[in-house]
Amino acid sequence: MFFTTQDRRWKFRGRPWHTRRESGFTYIVLLAIVAAMGFVLATAGEVWHMALKREKEQELLFIGDQFRRALNLYNLHTPGNGRRYPLSLEELLKDPRYPGVQRYLRKIYTDPITGSTQWGLIKGPSGEIFGVHSLSEDEPVKKSGFSLVDARFEGRNKYSDWVFMPDQGQGSGRVLKKP
């Protein structure tokens, strides 16, 4: 292709004068699109964060129920006439009262809210563990609509107020303390 001198000048000088004024409008439209995308992404992030928090709450309720069941089974399987609860969570992994392997939990679960294996313990006067709770002071999303066994969690303002303990431990007449 052959260019004339006039064509080359036009190419090297840049755009014609009437397209230069339109470039500011394109920039403003581009900024508006970027701002709209940022708003949509921020909203999506907030929704995703709330969904993740609800999922962690469901996991906490499941794990707490596993601890509740394990504590209840440990108490029910006490040899002899007396009943007692474990002195440590590790006793739920392998019951020292039996010569064979007797397990009530497969592992000490990680608290899904704090990400730690440390749990708050509800202990009796002799150091027995009657219940567990999360150490998180965060406010839960779920405030109502709990199952019957977790009905006492309604209206609680912190995850640490969600105490998982068997009903037999409450009715035993022992004094419970939160360390």
N, C-alpha and C. Protein backbone atom coordinates (compact mmCIF):
# COMPACT_ATOMS: atom_id res chain seq x y z
N MET A 1 0.83 -1.19 0.00
CA MET A 1 0.00 0.00 0.00
C MET A 1 0.86 1.24 0.00
N PHE A 2 0.42 2.18 -0.76
CA PHE A 2 1.17 3.43 -0.85
C PHE A 2 0.41 4.53 -0.13
N PHE A 3 1.14 5.33 0.65
CA PHE A 3 0.53 6.46 1.36
C PHE A 3 1.01 7.74 0.73
N THR A 4 0.17 8.69 0.74
CA THR A 4 0.59 10.01 0.29
C THR A 4 1.21 10.71 1.47
N THR A 5 1.85 11.79 1.23
CA THR A 5 2.48 12.55 2.30
C THR A 5 1.43 13.04 3.29
N GLN A 6 0.32 13.41 2.80
CA GLN A 6 -0.75 13.91 3.67
C GLN A 6 -1.26 12.79 4.59
N ASP A 7 -1.38 11.56 4.07
CA ASP A 7 -1.84 10.43 4.89
C ASP A 7 -0.85 10.12 6.00
N ARG A 8 0.44 10.18 5.67
CA ARG A 8 1.46 9.89 6.68
C ARG A 8 1.45 10.94 7.79
N ARG A 9 1.30 12.19 7.41
CA ARG A 9 1.25 13.24 8.42
C ARG A 9 0.07 13.01 9.37
N TRP A 10 -1.01 12.66 8.82
CA TRP A 10 -2.20 12.44 9.65
C TRP A 10 -1.96 11.28 10.61
N LYS A 11 -1.30 10.22 10.16
CA LYS A 11 -1.02 9.05 10.99
C LYS A 11 -0.05 9.39 12.11
N PHE A 12 0.99 10.18 11.84
CA PHE A 12 2.00 10.46 12.86
C PHE A 12 1.57 11.57 13.80
N ARG A 13 0.72 12.42 13.41
CA ARG A 13 0.27 13.48 14.30
C ARG A 13 -0.73 12.97 15.32
N GLY A 14 -1.31 11.85 15.10
CA GLY A 14 -2.30 11.32 16.03
C GLY A 14 -3.67 11.37 15.42
N ARG A 15 -4.65 11.43 16.28
CA ARG A 15 -6.04 11.41 15.84
C ARG A 15 -6.46 12.78 15.35
N PRO A 16 -7.48 12.80 14.54
CA PRO A 16 -8.03 14.10 14.13
C PRO A 16 -8.59 14.83 15.34
N TRP A 17 -8.73 16.11 15.26
CA TRP A 17 -9.13 16.95 16.39
C TRP A 17 -10.49 16.59 16.95
N HIS A 18 -11.46 16.09 16.16
CA HIS A 18 -12.79 15.80 16.67
C HIS A 18 -12.83 14.54 17.53
N THR A 19 -11.91 13.62 17.43
CA THR A 19 -11.88 12.43 18.29
C THR A 19 -11.19 12.71 19.62
N ARG A 20 -10.39 13.74 19.71
CA ARG A 20 -9.71 14.06 20.97
C ARG A 20 -10.71 14.49 22.04
N ARG A 21 -11.75 15.19 21.70
CA ARG A 21 -12.75 15.62 22.69
C ARG A 21 -13.54 14.43 23.22
N GLU A 22 -13.74 13.42 22.44
CA GLU A 22 -14.50 12.25 22.85
C GLU A 22 -13.72 11.36 23.81
N SER A 23 -12.41 11.45 23.85
CA SER A 23 -11.62 10.59 24.72
C SER A 23 -11.88 10.87 26.19
N GLY A 24 -12.23 12.05 26.59
CA GLY A 24 -12.58 12.36 27.98
C GLY A 24 -13.88 11.69 28.39
N PHE A 25 -14.82 11.64 27.48
CA PHE A 25 -16.09 10.98 27.76
C PHE A 25 -15.88 9.48 27.95
N THR A 26 -15.06 8.88 27.14
CA THR A 26 -14.76 7.45 27.26
C THR A 26 -14.09 7.15 28.59
N TYR A 27 -13.22 8.01 29.03
CA TYR A 27 -12.54 7.84 30.32
C TYR A 27 -13.55 7.89 31.47
N ILE A 28 -14.50 8.80 31.41
CA ILE A 28 -15.51 8.91 32.47
C ILE A 28 -16.40 7.68 32.49
N VAL A 29 -16.79 7.19 31.31
CA VAL A 29 -17.59 5.97 31.24
C VAL A 29 -16.81 4.79 31.81
N LEU A 30 -15.54 4.71 31.49
CA LEU A 30 -14.70 3.64 32.00
C LEU A 30 -14.60 3.71 33.53
N LEU A 31 -14.44 4.90 34.08
CA LEU A 31 -14.41 5.06 35.54
C LEU A 31 -15.73 4.64 36.18
N ALA A 32 -16.84 4.97 35.55
CA ALA A 32 -18.16 4.58 36.08
C ALA A 32 -18.31 3.06 36.06
N ILE A 33 -17.83 2.42 35.02
CA ILE A 33 -17.90 0.96 34.95
C ILE A 33 -17.04 0.33 36.03
N VAL A 34 -15.84 0.84 36.23
CA VAL A 34 -14.96 0.30 37.27
C VAL A 34 -15.58 0.50 38.65
N ALA A 35 -16.19 1.65 38.90
CA ALA A 35 -16.85 1.91 40.19
C ALA A 35 -18.03 0.96 40.40
N ALA A 36 -18.82 0.72 39.36
CA ALA A 36 -19.94 -0.20 39.46
C ALA A 36 -19.46 -1.62 39.72
N MET A 37 -18.39 -2.02 39.06
CA MET A 37 -17.83 -3.36 39.30
C MET A 37 -17.31 -3.47 40.74
N GLY A 38 -16.70 -2.43 41.24
CA GLY A 38 -16.23 -2.45 42.63
C GLY A 38 -17.37 -2.59 43.61
N PHE A 39 -18.47 -1.90 43.35
CA PHE A 39 -19.64 -2.00 44.23
C PHE A 39 -20.22 -3.41 44.19
N VAL A 40 -20.34 -3.99 43.00
CA VAL A 40 -20.88 -5.34 42.87
C VAL A 40 -19.96 -6.35 43.56
N LEU A 41 -18.66 -6.20 43.40
CA LEU A 41 -17.72 -7.12 44.05
C LEU A 41 -17.75 -6.98 45.57
N ALA A 42 -17.89 -5.76 46.07
CA ALA A 42 -17.97 -5.55 47.52
C ALA A 42 -19.24 -6.19 48.08
N THR A 43 -20.34 -6.05 47.38
CA THR A 43 -21.59 -6.66 47.82
C THR A 43 -21.48 -8.18 47.79
N ALA A 44 -20.89 -8.71 46.72
CA ALA A 44 -20.72 -10.16 46.63
C ALA A 44 -19.80 -10.67 47.74
N GLY A 45 -18.76 -9.92 48.07
CA GLY A 45 -17.87 -10.31 49.16
C GLY A 45 -18.58 -10.34 50.50
N GLU A 46 -19.45 -9.38 50.72
CA GLU A 46 -20.20 -9.34 51.98
C GLU A 46 -21.16 -10.52 52.08
N VAL A 47 -21.83 -10.84 50.98
CA VAL A 47 -22.74 -11.99 50.96
C VAL A 47 -21.96 -13.28 51.18
N TRP A 48 -20.80 -13.39 50.53
CA TRP A 48 -19.97 -14.59 50.68
C TRP A 48 -19.50 -14.73 52.13
N HIS A 49 -19.09 -13.61 52.75
CA HIS A 49 -18.63 -13.64 54.14
C HIS A 49 -19.76 -14.09 55.07
N MET A 50 -20.97 -13.60 54.84
CA MET A 50 -22.10 -13.99 55.68
C MET A 50 -22.41 -15.48 55.49
N ALA A 51 -22.34 -15.97 54.27
CA ALA A 51 -22.59 -17.39 54.01
C ALA A 51 -21.53 -18.24 54.69
N LEU A 52 -20.28 -17.80 54.66
CA LEU A 52 -19.20 -18.52 55.31
C LEU A 52 -19.41 -18.56 56.83
N LYS A 53 -19.85 -17.45 57.39
CA LYS A 53 -20.10 -17.39 58.84
C LYS A 53 -21.24 -18.32 59.23
N ARG A 54 -22.29 -18.37 58.42
CA ARG A 54 -23.41 -19.28 58.71
C ARG A 54 -22.95 -20.74 58.61
N GLU A 55 -22.09 -21.03 57.65
CA GLU A 55 -21.57 -22.38 57.51
C GLU A 55 -20.74 -22.78 58.73
N LYS A 56 -19.93 -21.86 59.24
CA LYS A 56 -19.14 -22.13 60.44
C LYS A 56 -20.05 -22.34 61.65
N GLU A 57 -21.15 -21.60 61.73
CA GLU A 57 -22.09 -21.79 62.83
C GLU A 57 -22.71 -23.18 62.78
N GLN A 58 -23.08 -23.64 61.58
CA GLN A 58 -23.65 -24.98 61.44
C GLN A 58 -22.63 -26.02 61.85
N GLU A 59 -21.38 -25.81 61.49
CA GLU A 59 -20.32 -26.74 61.87
C GLU A 59 -20.12 -26.74 63.39
N LEU A 60 -20.18 -25.56 64.01
CA LEU A 60 -20.07 -25.48 65.47
C LEU A 60 -21.20 -26.23 66.15
N LEU A 61 -22.42 -26.10 65.63
CA LEU A 61 -23.55 -26.82 66.21
C LEU A 61 -23.36 -28.33 66.08
N PHE A 62 -22.85 -28.79 64.94
CA PHE A 62 -22.60 -30.22 64.76
C PHE A 62 -21.51 -30.71 65.72
N ILE A 63 -20.39 -30.00 65.78
CA ILE A 63 -19.28 -30.41 66.64
C ILE A 63 -19.70 -30.36 68.11
N GLY A 64 -20.42 -29.33 68.49
CA GLY A 64 -20.91 -29.24 69.86
C GLY A 64 -21.81 -30.41 70.22
N ASP A 65 -22.64 -30.82 69.27
CA ASP A 65 -23.50 -31.98 69.51
C ASP A 65 -22.67 -33.25 69.66
N GLN A 66 -21.59 -33.35 68.91
CA GLN A 66 -20.70 -34.52 69.05
C GLN A 66 -20.07 -34.55 70.45
N PHE A 67 -19.64 -33.40 70.95
CA PHE A 67 -19.10 -33.34 72.31
C PHE A 67 -20.18 -33.69 73.33
N ARG A 68 -21.38 -33.16 73.14
CA ARG A 68 -22.49 -33.43 74.05
C ARG A 68 -22.77 -34.93 74.12
N ARG A 69 -22.82 -35.57 72.98
CA ARG A 69 -23.09 -37.01 72.94
C ARG A 69 -21.95 -37.80 73.58
N ALA A 70 -20.71 -37.40 73.29
CA ALA A 70 -19.56 -38.10 73.86
C ALA A 70 -19.54 -37.99 75.38
N LEU A 71 -19.82 -36.79 75.90
CA LEU A 71 -19.85 -36.61 77.36
C LEU A 71 -20.96 -37.46 77.98
N ASN A 72 -22.09 -37.51 77.33
CA ASN A 72 -23.21 -38.31 77.85
C ASN A 72 -22.87 -39.80 77.83
N LEU A 73 -22.26 -40.29 76.74
CA LEU A 73 -21.89 -41.70 76.67
C LEU A 73 -20.82 -42.05 77.70
N TYR A 74 -19.86 -41.15 77.88
CA TYR A 74 -18.81 -41.38 78.88
C TYR A 74 -19.46 -41.55 80.26
N ASN A 75 -20.40 -40.69 80.57
CA ASN A 75 -21.09 -40.74 81.86
C ASN A 75 -21.90 -42.03 82.00
N LEU A 76 -22.61 -42.42 80.93
CA LEU A 76 -23.45 -43.62 80.99
C LEU A 76 -22.65 -44.91 81.07
N HIS A 77 -21.44 -44.92 80.50
CA HIS A 77 -20.62 -46.13 80.50
C HIS A 77 -19.65 -46.19 81.67
N THR A 78 -19.91 -45.45 82.70
CA THR A 78 -19.04 -45.52 83.89
C THR A 78 -19.20 -46.89 84.53
N PRO A 79 -18.11 -47.63 84.75
CA PRO A 79 -18.22 -48.93 85.40
C PRO A 79 -18.64 -48.77 86.87
N GLY A 80 -19.41 -49.72 87.32
CA GLY A 80 -19.88 -49.66 88.71
C GLY A 80 -21.17 -48.88 88.81
N ASN A 81 -21.50 -48.49 90.05
CA ASN A 81 -22.76 -47.80 90.29
C ASN A 81 -22.66 -46.29 90.11
N GLY A 82 -21.51 -45.71 90.43
CA GLY A 82 -21.36 -44.27 90.34
C GLY A 82 -21.22 -43.79 88.90
N ARG A 83 -21.61 -42.58 88.69
CA ARG A 83 -21.45 -41.97 87.37
C ARG A 83 -20.48 -40.81 87.48
N ARG A 84 -19.67 -40.64 86.45
CA ARG A 84 -18.77 -39.50 86.44
C ARG A 84 -18.49 -39.06 85.01
N TYR A 85 -18.05 -37.84 84.90
CA TYR A 85 -17.68 -37.25 83.62
C TYR A 85 -16.16 -37.23 83.50
N PRO A 86 -15.63 -37.03 82.29
CA PRO A 86 -14.17 -37.06 82.13
C PRO A 86 -13.48 -35.86 82.78
N LEU A 87 -12.22 -36.05 83.13
CA LEU A 87 -11.42 -34.98 83.70
C LEU A 87 -10.69 -34.19 82.62
N SER A 88 -10.58 -34.77 81.43
CA SER A 88 -9.97 -34.07 80.29
C SER A 88 -10.67 -34.53 79.02
N LEU A 89 -10.56 -33.72 77.98
CA LEU A 89 -11.18 -34.10 76.70
C LEU A 89 -10.50 -35.31 76.08
N GLU A 90 -9.23 -35.53 76.40
CA GLU A 90 -8.51 -36.67 75.87
C GLU A 90 -9.10 -38.00 76.35
N GLU A 91 -9.77 -38.00 77.50
CA GLU A 91 -10.41 -39.22 77.99
C GLU A 91 -11.57 -39.64 77.09
N LEU A 92 -12.08 -38.70 76.28
CA LEU A 92 -13.14 -39.05 75.33
C LEU A 92 -12.57 -39.79 74.12
N LEU A 93 -11.27 -39.63 73.88
CA LEU A 93 -10.63 -40.32 72.77
C LEU A 93 -10.31 -41.77 73.11
N LYS A 94 -9.86 -42.00 74.34
CA LYS A 94 -9.57 -43.35 74.82
C LYS A 94 -9.87 -43.38 76.32
N ASP A 95 -10.91 -44.08 76.65
CA ASP A 95 -11.38 -44.14 78.03
C ASP A 95 -10.38 -44.93 78.88
N PRO A 96 -9.73 -44.28 79.88
CA PRO A 96 -8.73 -44.98 80.70
C PRO A 96 -9.35 -45.97 81.69
N ARG A 97 -10.66 -45.97 81.83
CA ARG A 97 -11.31 -46.85 82.80
C ARG A 97 -11.47 -48.27 82.28
N TYR A 98 -11.23 -48.47 80.99
CA TYR A 98 -11.38 -49.78 80.38
C TYR A 98 -10.03 -50.29 79.89
N PRO A 99 -9.78 -51.59 80.00
CA PRO A 99 -8.50 -52.11 79.52
C PRO A 99 -8.40 -52.08 77.99
N GLY A 100 -9.50 -52.29 77.29
CA GLY A 100 -9.51 -52.22 75.83
C GLY A 100 -9.72 -50.78 75.38
N VAL A 101 -9.78 -50.60 74.08
CA VAL A 101 -9.99 -49.27 73.52
C VAL A 101 -11.48 -48.95 73.51
N GLN A 102 -11.85 -47.92 74.21
CA GLN A 102 -13.24 -47.43 74.26
C GLN A 102 -13.20 -45.96 73.87
N ARG A 103 -13.78 -45.64 72.72
CA ARG A 103 -13.76 -44.26 72.21
C ARG A 103 -15.16 -43.67 72.21
N TYR A 104 -15.22 -42.38 72.53
CA TYR A 104 -16.48 -41.64 72.45
C TYR A 104 -16.39 -40.54 71.40
N LEU A 105 -15.18 -40.14 71.07
CA LEU A 105 -14.90 -39.20 69.98
C LEU A 105 -13.74 -39.76 69.15
N ARG A 106 -13.73 -39.44 67.87
CA ARG A 106 -12.61 -39.86 67.02
C ARG A 106 -11.42 -38.95 67.18
N LYS A 107 -11.70 -37.66 67.44
CA LYS A 107 -10.63 -36.68 67.60
C LYS A 107 -11.17 -35.50 68.39
N ILE A 108 -10.26 -34.68 68.90
CA ILE A 108 -10.67 -33.42 69.51
C ILE A 108 -10.87 -32.45 68.35
N TYR A 109 -12.09 -32.07 68.13
CA TYR A 109 -12.42 -31.23 66.99
C TYR A 109 -11.84 -29.82 67.14
N THR A 110 -11.61 -29.21 66.00
CA THR A 110 -11.18 -27.81 65.96
C THR A 110 -12.41 -26.93 66.02
N ASP A 111 -12.36 -25.90 66.83
CA ASP A 111 -13.46 -24.94 66.90
C ASP A 111 -13.51 -24.21 65.56
N PRO A 112 -14.60 -24.32 64.81
CA PRO A 112 -14.65 -23.68 63.49
C PRO A 112 -14.66 -22.15 63.55
N ILE A 113 -15.04 -21.58 64.66
CA ILE A 113 -15.09 -20.13 64.78
C ILE A 113 -13.70 -19.57 65.06
N THR A 114 -12.97 -20.16 66.00
CA THR A 114 -11.64 -19.65 66.35
C THR A 114 -10.52 -20.34 65.57
N GLY A 115 -10.78 -21.53 65.04
CA GLY A 115 -9.75 -22.28 64.34
C GLY A 115 -8.77 -22.96 65.27
N SER A 116 -9.10 -23.09 66.53
CA SER A 116 -8.21 -23.68 67.54
C SER A 116 -8.84 -24.94 68.12
N THR A 117 -8.00 -25.82 68.66
CA THR A 117 -8.53 -26.99 69.35
C THR A 117 -8.78 -26.71 70.82
N GLN A 118 -8.56 -25.48 71.23
CA GLN A 118 -8.84 -25.08 72.62
C GLN A 118 -10.33 -24.78 72.75
N TRP A 119 -10.95 -25.35 73.74
CA TRP A 119 -12.37 -25.16 74.01
C TRP A 119 -12.53 -24.63 75.43
N GLY A 120 -13.56 -23.86 75.63
CA GLY A 120 -13.93 -23.48 76.99
C GLY A 120 -14.59 -24.68 77.64
N LEU A 121 -14.25 -24.94 78.89
CA LEU A 121 -14.76 -26.11 79.58
C LEU A 121 -15.64 -25.70 80.75
N ILE A 122 -16.76 -26.39 80.89
CA ILE A 122 -17.62 -26.22 82.06
C ILE A 122 -17.28 -27.37 83.00
N LYS A 123 -16.74 -27.01 84.14
CA LYS A 123 -16.26 -28.04 85.08
C LYS A 123 -17.06 -28.04 86.36
N GLY A 124 -17.12 -29.22 86.96
CA GLY A 124 -17.76 -29.38 88.25
C GLY A 124 -16.75 -29.16 89.36
N PRO A 125 -17.17 -29.30 90.60
CA PRO A 125 -16.27 -29.05 91.73
C PRO A 125 -15.08 -30.00 91.80
N SER A 126 -15.22 -31.22 91.27
CA SER A 126 -14.09 -32.16 91.30
C SER A 126 -13.29 -32.13 90.01
N GLY A 127 -13.52 -31.15 89.16
CA GLY A 127 -12.75 -31.01 87.93
C GLY A 127 -13.30 -31.77 86.75
N GLU A 128 -14.44 -32.41 86.91
CA GLU A 128 -15.05 -33.14 85.80
C GLU A 128 -15.59 -32.16 84.76
N ILE A 129 -15.49 -32.55 83.51
CA ILE A 129 -15.97 -31.70 82.41
C ILE A 129 -17.43 -32.03 82.13
N PHE A 130 -18.30 -31.07 82.35
CA PHE A 130 -19.73 -31.24 82.10
C PHE A 130 -20.14 -30.71 80.73
N GLY A 131 -19.35 -29.81 80.17
CA GLY A 131 -19.73 -29.23 78.89
C GLY A 131 -18.59 -28.46 78.27
N VAL A 132 -18.75 -28.11 77.00
CA VAL A 132 -17.76 -27.33 76.26
C VAL A 132 -18.45 -26.17 75.57
N HIS A 133 -17.66 -25.15 75.27
CA HIS A 133 -18.17 -24.01 74.51
C HIS A 133 -17.01 -23.38 73.74
N SER A 134 -17.35 -22.63 72.72
CA SER A 134 -16.34 -21.93 71.94
C SER A 134 -15.76 -20.80 72.78
N LEU A 135 -14.54 -20.44 72.49
CA LEU A 135 -13.90 -19.32 73.19
C LEU A 135 -14.08 -18.00 72.45
N SER A 136 -14.83 -18.02 71.36
CA SER A 136 -15.04 -16.82 70.55
C SER A 136 -16.03 -15.88 71.22
N GLU A 137 -15.69 -14.60 71.21
CA GLU A 137 -16.57 -13.57 71.75
C GLU A 137 -17.36 -12.87 70.65
N ASP A 138 -17.28 -13.39 69.41
CA ASP A 138 -18.00 -12.81 68.28
C ASP A 138 -19.50 -13.03 68.44
N GLU A 139 -20.25 -12.16 67.78
CA GLU A 139 -21.71 -12.26 67.83
C GLU A 139 -22.19 -13.23 66.76
N PRO A 140 -23.04 -14.19 67.13
CA PRO A 140 -23.53 -15.14 66.12
C PRO A 140 -24.56 -14.51 65.21
N VAL A 141 -24.66 -15.05 64.01
CA VAL A 141 -25.69 -14.62 63.07
C VAL A 141 -27.02 -15.24 63.47
N LYS A 142 -26.96 -16.51 63.82
CA LYS A 142 -28.18 -17.24 64.19
C LYS A 142 -28.58 -16.88 65.61
N LYS A 143 -29.79 -16.37 65.76
CA LYS A 143 -30.30 -15.99 67.08
C LYS A 143 -31.53 -16.82 67.47
N SER A 144 -32.17 -17.45 66.51
CA SER A 144 -33.37 -18.24 66.80
C SER A 144 -33.46 -19.37 65.79
N GLY A 145 -34.48 -20.23 65.98
CA GLY A 145 -34.68 -21.35 65.07
C GLY A 145 -33.77 -22.52 65.35
N PHE A 146 -33.34 -22.67 66.59
CA PHE A 146 -32.48 -23.78 66.98
C PHE A 146 -33.30 -25.05 67.16
N SER A 147 -32.63 -26.18 67.12
CA SER A 147 -33.29 -27.45 67.41
C SER A 147 -33.68 -27.49 68.89
N LEU A 148 -34.49 -28.44 69.24
CA LEU A 148 -34.99 -28.53 70.62
C LEU A 148 -33.85 -28.68 71.62
N VAL A 149 -32.83 -29.46 71.29
CA VAL A 149 -31.73 -29.68 72.22
C VAL A 149 -30.87 -28.41 72.39
N ASP A 150 -30.88 -27.54 71.38
CA ASP A 150 -30.11 -26.29 71.45
C ASP A 150 -30.99 -25.07 71.70
N ALA A 151 -32.19 -25.27 72.17
CA ALA A 151 -33.14 -24.17 72.34
C ALA A 151 -32.63 -23.10 73.31
N ARG A 152 -31.76 -23.47 74.23
CA ARG A 152 -31.26 -22.48 75.20
C ARG A 152 -30.27 -21.48 74.57
N PHE A 153 -29.90 -21.69 73.30
CA PHE A 153 -29.01 -20.76 72.61
C PHE A 153 -29.76 -19.55 72.06
N GLU A 154 -31.08 -19.58 72.08
CA GLU A 154 -31.89 -18.49 71.52
C GLU A 154 -31.56 -17.18 72.22
N GLY A 155 -31.28 -16.16 71.42
CA GLY A 155 -31.03 -14.82 71.95
C GLY A 155 -29.64 -14.62 72.55
N ARG A 156 -28.76 -15.59 72.45
CA ARG A 156 -27.40 -15.44 73.00
C ARG A 156 -26.60 -14.48 72.13
N ASN A 157 -25.74 -13.67 72.74
CA ASN A 157 -25.01 -12.63 72.03
C ASN A 157 -23.57 -12.98 71.69
N LYS A 158 -23.08 -14.14 72.17
CA LYS A 158 -21.71 -14.55 71.88
C LYS A 158 -21.69 -16.06 71.64
N TYR A 159 -20.73 -16.48 70.83
CA TYR A 159 -20.58 -17.92 70.62
C TYR A 159 -20.18 -18.62 71.91
N SER A 160 -19.48 -17.93 72.78
CA SER A 160 -19.06 -18.55 74.04
C SER A 160 -20.25 -18.83 74.96
N ASP A 161 -21.41 -18.26 74.65
CA ASP A 161 -22.62 -18.55 75.42
C ASP A 161 -23.31 -19.82 74.94
N TRP A 162 -22.88 -20.35 73.83
CA TRP A 162 -23.44 -21.61 73.33
C TRP A 162 -22.72 -22.76 74.04
N VAL A 163 -23.24 -23.21 75.15
CA VAL A 163 -22.62 -24.27 75.95
C VAL A 163 -23.26 -25.61 75.59
N PHE A 164 -22.41 -26.55 75.19
CA PHE A 164 -22.86 -27.88 74.79
C PHE A 164 -22.61 -28.83 75.95
N MET A 165 -23.70 -29.27 76.58
CA MET A 165 -23.58 -30.20 77.69
C MET A 165 -24.80 -31.12 77.71
N PRO A 166 -24.61 -32.36 78.16
CA PRO A 166 -25.75 -33.27 78.24
C PRO A 166 -26.73 -32.83 79.32
N ASP A 167 -27.98 -33.16 79.13
CA ASP A 167 -29.00 -32.78 80.11
C ASP A 167 -28.80 -33.46 81.46
N GLN A 168 -28.23 -34.66 81.48
CA GLN A 168 -28.00 -35.35 82.74
C GLN A 168 -27.03 -34.57 83.63
N GLY A 169 -26.09 -33.85 83.04
CA GLY A 169 -25.13 -33.07 83.81
C GLY A 169 -25.80 -31.90 84.51
N GLN A 170 -26.85 -31.36 83.91
CA GLN A 170 -27.53 -30.23 84.53
C GLN A 170 -28.40 -30.68 85.69
N GLY A 171 -28.99 -31.87 85.57
CA GLY A 171 -29.90 -32.31 86.61
C GLY A 171 -29.24 -33.10 87.71
N SER A 172 -27.92 -33.14 87.74
CA SER A 172 -27.24 -33.98 88.72
C SER A 172 -27.13 -33.32 90.08
N GLY A 173 -27.53 -32.06 90.19
CA GLY A 173 -27.45 -31.38 91.47
C GLY A 173 -26.08 -30.85 91.81
N ARG A 174 -25.13 -30.96 90.89
CA ARG A 174 -23.77 -30.47 91.15
C ARG A 174 -23.66 -29.01 90.76
N VAL A 175 -22.73 -28.35 91.40
CA VAL A 175 -22.46 -26.94 91.09
C VAL A 175 -21.55 -26.88 89.88
N LEU A 176 -21.96 -26.09 88.88
CA LEU A 176 -21.16 -25.96 87.68
C LEU A 176 -20.45 -24.63 87.69
N LYS A 177 -19.25 -24.61 87.22
CA LYS A 177 -18.49 -23.36 87.14
C LYS A 177 -17.84 -23.24 85.80
N LYS A 178 -17.72 -22.02 85.33
CA LYS A 178 -17.08 -21.72 84.06
C LYS A 178 -15.70 -21.18 84.39
N PRO A 179 -14.60 -21.91 84.03
CA PRO A 179 -13.27 -21.45 84.41
C PRO A 179 -12.88 -20.18 83.71
